[in-house]
Each structure stands twice: as structure tokens, then as C-alpha cells.
Protein backbone atom coordinates (compact mmCIF):
# COMPACT_ATOMS: atom_id res chain seq x y z
CA UNK A 1 -15.79 -16.63 -17.00
CA UNK A 2 -13.84 -14.14 -19.06
CA UNK A 3 -12.95 -15.19 -22.59
CA UNK A 4 -9.32 -14.57 -23.48
CA UNK A 5 -7.11 -14.78 -26.53
CA UNK A 6 -6.30 -18.46 -25.86
CA UNK A 7 -10.01 -19.21 -26.08
CA UNK A 8 -10.09 -17.45 -29.45
CA UNK A 9 -7.44 -19.84 -30.78
CA UNK A 10 -9.41 -22.80 -29.47
CA UNK A 11 -12.62 -21.59 -31.13
CA UNK A 12 -10.89 -20.95 -34.45
CA UNK A 13 -9.30 -24.40 -34.26
CA UNK A 14 -12.65 -26.05 -33.58
CA UNK A 15 -14.24 -24.09 -36.43
CA UNK A 16 -11.53 -25.16 -38.88
CA UNK A 17 -11.83 -28.78 -37.73
CA UNK A 18 -15.61 -28.55 -38.12
CA UNK A 19 -15.25 -27.33 -41.71
CA UNK A 20 -12.70 -29.98 -42.66
CA UNK A 21 -14.79 -32.82 -41.24
CA UNK A 22 -18.18 -31.72 -42.56
CA UNK A 23 -16.95 -30.66 -46.01
CA UNK A 24 -15.24 -34.05 -46.37
CA UNK A 25 -18.47 -35.75 -45.30
CA UNK A 26 -20.45 -33.61 -47.78
CA UNK A 27 -18.09 -34.63 -50.59
CA UNK A 28 -18.44 -38.31 -49.66
CA UNK A 29 -22.21 -38.01 -49.37
CA UNK A 30 -22.40 -36.36 -52.80
CA UNK A 31 -20.22 -39.07 -54.34
CA UNK A 32 -22.38 -41.79 -52.80
CA UNK A 33 -25.55 -40.15 -54.09
CA UNK A 34 -24.18 -39.57 -57.59
CA UNK A 35 -22.93 -43.17 -57.81
CA UNK A 36 -26.50 -44.33 -57.26
CA UNK A 37 -26.22 -45.62 -53.70
CA UNK A 38 -29.65 -46.91 -52.73
CA UNK A 39 -30.83 -45.10 -49.61
CA UNK A 40 -34.20 -43.66 -48.57
CA UNK A 41 -34.69 -39.96 -49.35
CA UNK A 42 -34.78 -39.22 -45.62
CA UNK A 43 -31.17 -40.35 -45.31
CA UNK A 44 -29.98 -37.78 -47.84
CA UNK A 45 -32.16 -35.02 -46.39
CA UNK A 46 -31.20 -35.67 -42.77
CA UNK A 47 -27.48 -35.74 -43.51
CA UNK A 48 -27.70 -32.63 -45.69
CA UNK A 49 -29.45 -30.77 -42.87
CA UNK A 50 -26.76 -31.92 -40.42
CA UNK A 51 -24.04 -30.66 -42.74
CA UNK A 52 -25.65 -27.24 -43.14
CA UNK A 53 -26.32 -26.89 -39.40
CA UNK A 54 -22.80 -27.89 -38.39
CA UNK A 55 -21.22 -25.59 -40.98
CA UNK A 56 -23.34 -22.75 -39.55
CA UNK A 57 -22.06 -23.62 -36.07
CA UNK A 58 -18.52 -23.54 -37.48
CA UNK A 59 -19.12 -20.06 -38.86
CA UNK A 60 -20.40 -18.82 -35.49
CA UNK A 61 -17.46 -20.34 -33.59
CA UNK A 62 -14.96 -19.02 -36.13
CA UNK A 63 -16.36 -15.49 -36.00
CA UNK A 64 -16.36 -15.50 -32.20
CA UNK A 65 -12.81 -16.84 -32.15
CA UNK A 66 -11.58 -14.20 -34.61
CA UNK A 67 -13.32 -11.49 -32.60
CA UNK A 68 -11.48 -12.65 -29.49
CA UNK A 69 -8.16 -12.72 -31.36
CA UNK A 70 -8.69 -9.17 -32.64
CA UNK A 71 -9.60 -7.79 -29.22
CA UNK A 72 -6.66 -6.00 -27.63
CA UNK A 73 -5.61 -7.69 -24.41
């Protein structure tokens, strides 16, 4: 399969969506933690790792999408 410009837009869109969702979740997680919500430490660690991993995936998808958009067709 050959990746085209339309795929670049899709990847950038998914990357932006990924950032919006996971940054919102990170903000909510931080607020819950700072308000003293009683959860096991593993809960906070596991969700923090998920946030970091998914933001990294968003960076990769965004960079690939931008590369496709910058490639002359």
C-alpha cells in the first residue's frame, strides 16, 4: 500500500485527537490525585504510564502524518 497525502491528514487528525484525549485524562488524573482520591499506588502508576505511551504514539503518528503532507505528490 502506498501512503498518500490523504493518509497524512488522517494521521495528523488521529495524533491531535490522541493529544486532546490523553492530556484531558492527565489533567483529570492529576486533579483526582491532588484532591486526595484514595487509590492504590499501582492505579496512578499504570495510568501515568498509559498517558506517556499514548502521547509518544501521538508524536510518532503526527510526525509521520506531517512527513506525508510535506512530500510532493
